[in-house]
Amino acid sequence: MNLNDYERKYFLTYEAFAETVRFILEKALLAAENLPRPQSVQCRAKRIESLRRRLAEAGKLDTQTLELDRRDLAGVRLIFYTNKDVDRFLASPLIRENFDIGEDSTRDPPSNP
């Protein structure tokens, strides 16, 4: 897929995917009695302008493998009130119980000083 394909054909698919993941997370969090509630749950598909800028910075505006070059085409962000809440969430099995995770594609969230 190239940038033009993403813009014309796939942006709405990635947007719907992010919304679906958000829905699943919100329902799973409601069902989890022992987990903290997030302050907010946000989702998005990568905006065309931002994607174009990132590809230009990497010298890959002409990529034909966009989905491999940019792994952040859709995302969901959970914002918790405290770092302790974040730690409790990360220690829980909620993500693994609700999603198949490719171990080679995960990364730890940035630490908060």
Protein backbone atom coordinates (compact mmCIF):
# COMPACT_ATOMS: atom_id res chain seq x y z
CA MET A 1 0.00 0.00 0.00
CA ASN A 2 1.28 3.49 -0.80
CA LEU A 3 0.27 6.85 0.66
CA ASN A 4 -2.31 7.46 -2.06
CA ASP A 5 -3.91 4.04 -1.39
CA TYR A 6 -4.05 4.80 2.32
CA GLU A 7 -5.72 8.15 1.71
CA ARG A 8 -8.25 6.96 -0.88
CA LYS A 9 -8.98 3.37 0.15
CA TYR A 10 -7.80 2.52 3.64
CA PHE A 11 -7.98 5.54 5.93
CA LEU A 12 -11.62 4.84 6.85
CA THR A 13 -10.79 1.17 7.47
CA TYR A 14 -8.02 2.10 9.88
CA GLU A 15 -10.33 4.60 11.54
CA ALA A 16 -13.01 1.92 12.00
CA PHE A 17 -10.38 -0.50 13.31
CA ALA A 18 -9.24 2.01 15.95
CA GLU A 19 -12.86 2.61 17.00
CA THR A 20 -13.44 -1.14 17.30
CA VAL A 21 -10.36 -1.63 19.47
CA ARG A 22 -11.46 1.29 21.63
CA PHE A 23 -14.93 -0.25 22.04
CA ILE A 24 -13.46 -3.62 23.05
CA LEU A 25 -11.11 -1.98 25.57
CA GLU A 26 -13.87 0.12 27.12
CA LYS A 27 -16.15 -2.92 27.53
CA ALA A 28 -13.33 -5.05 28.94
CA LEU A 29 -12.42 -2.33 31.42
CA LEU A 30 -16.03 -2.05 32.56
CA ALA A 31 -16.12 -5.81 33.16
CA ALA A 32 -12.82 -5.83 35.07
CA GLU A 33 -13.72 -5.18 38.67
CA ASN A 34 -10.17 -4.88 39.99
CA LEU A 35 -8.69 -2.48 37.42
CA PRO A 36 -8.53 1.30 37.60
CA ARG A 37 -10.75 3.29 35.27
CA PRO A 38 -8.90 5.46 32.77
CA GLN A 39 -9.42 9.20 32.65
CA SER A 40 -9.99 8.83 28.91
CA VAL A 41 -9.72 6.39 26.03
CA GLN A 42 -8.75 7.98 22.74
CA CYS A 43 -8.39 6.48 19.29
CA ARG A 44 -7.38 7.61 15.84
CA ALA A 45 -6.21 6.62 12.40
CA LYS A 46 -3.00 8.35 11.36
CA ARG A 47 -3.89 11.61 9.60
CA ILE A 48 -2.71 11.99 6.02
CA GLU A 49 -0.76 15.21 6.68
CA SER A 50 1.08 13.70 9.63
CA LEU A 51 1.82 10.52 7.72
CA ARG A 52 3.12 12.46 4.72
CA ARG A 53 5.41 14.49 6.99
CA ARG A 54 6.78 11.37 8.74
CA LEU A 55 7.40 9.60 5.45
CA ALA A 56 9.17 12.66 4.04
CA GLU A 57 11.39 12.84 7.14
CA ALA A 58 12.33 9.19 6.61
CA GLY A 59 12.85 9.64 2.85
CA LYS A 60 10.04 7.16 2.11
CA LEU A 61 7.34 9.24 0.42
CA ASP A 62 7.33 6.81 -2.49
CA THR A 63 6.97 3.66 -0.34
CA GLN A 64 4.82 0.84 -1.65
CA THR A 65 4.91 -0.93 1.72
CA LEU A 66 3.42 1.74 3.94
CA GLU A 67 1.90 -0.75 6.36
CA LEU A 68 5.39 -2.13 7.03
CA ASP A 69 7.21 1.21 7.08
CA ARG A 70 4.78 2.89 9.50
CA ARG A 71 3.40 0.62 12.20
CA ASP A 72 1.28 3.36 13.79
CA LEU A 73 -1.49 3.74 11.20
CA ALA A 74 -4.13 3.25 13.89
CA GLY A 75 -3.93 3.52 17.63
CA VAL A 76 -5.76 3.63 20.93
CA ARG A 77 -4.49 5.52 23.96
CA LEU A 78 -5.60 4.95 27.53
CA ILE A 79 -4.89 7.84 29.88
CA PHE A 80 -4.85 6.96 33.56
CA TYR A 81 -4.82 9.28 36.54
CA THR A 82 -1.64 7.92 38.14
CA ASN A 83 1.43 5.89 37.25
CA LYS A 84 0.25 3.31 39.81
CA ASP A 85 -2.94 2.91 37.74
CA VAL A 86 -0.82 2.44 34.61
CA ASP A 87 1.26 -0.22 36.34
CA ARG A 88 -1.85 -2.07 37.54
CA PHE A 89 -3.30 -2.03 34.04
CA LEU A 90 -0.07 -3.22 32.42
CA ALA A 91 0.26 -6.05 34.95
CA SER A 92 -3.26 -7.28 34.20
CA PRO A 93 -4.09 -9.87 31.53
CA LEU A 94 -6.77 -7.63 29.97
CA ILE A 95 -4.92 -6.94 26.70
CA ARG A 96 -3.86 -10.54 26.14
CA GLU A 97 -7.33 -11.82 27.00
CA ASN A 98 -8.95 -9.60 24.38
CA PHE A 99 -6.40 -9.35 21.57
CA ASP A 100 -3.82 -11.48 19.77
CA ILE A 101 -0.52 -9.69 20.25
CA GLY A 102 2.48 -10.12 17.96
CA GLU A 103 5.37 -10.11 20.42
CA ASP A 104 7.82 -8.72 17.89
CA SER A 105 5.58 -5.71 17.31
CA THR A 106 5.19 -4.52 20.88
CA ARG A 107 7.12 -1.84 22.69
CA ASP A 108 7.00 -0.47 26.17
CA PRO A 109 5.29 2.89 26.60
CA PRO A 110 7.59 5.83 27.27
CA SER A 111 8.44 6.22 30.92
CA ASN A 112 7.17 9.21 32.84
CA PRO A 113 9.92 10.96 34.80
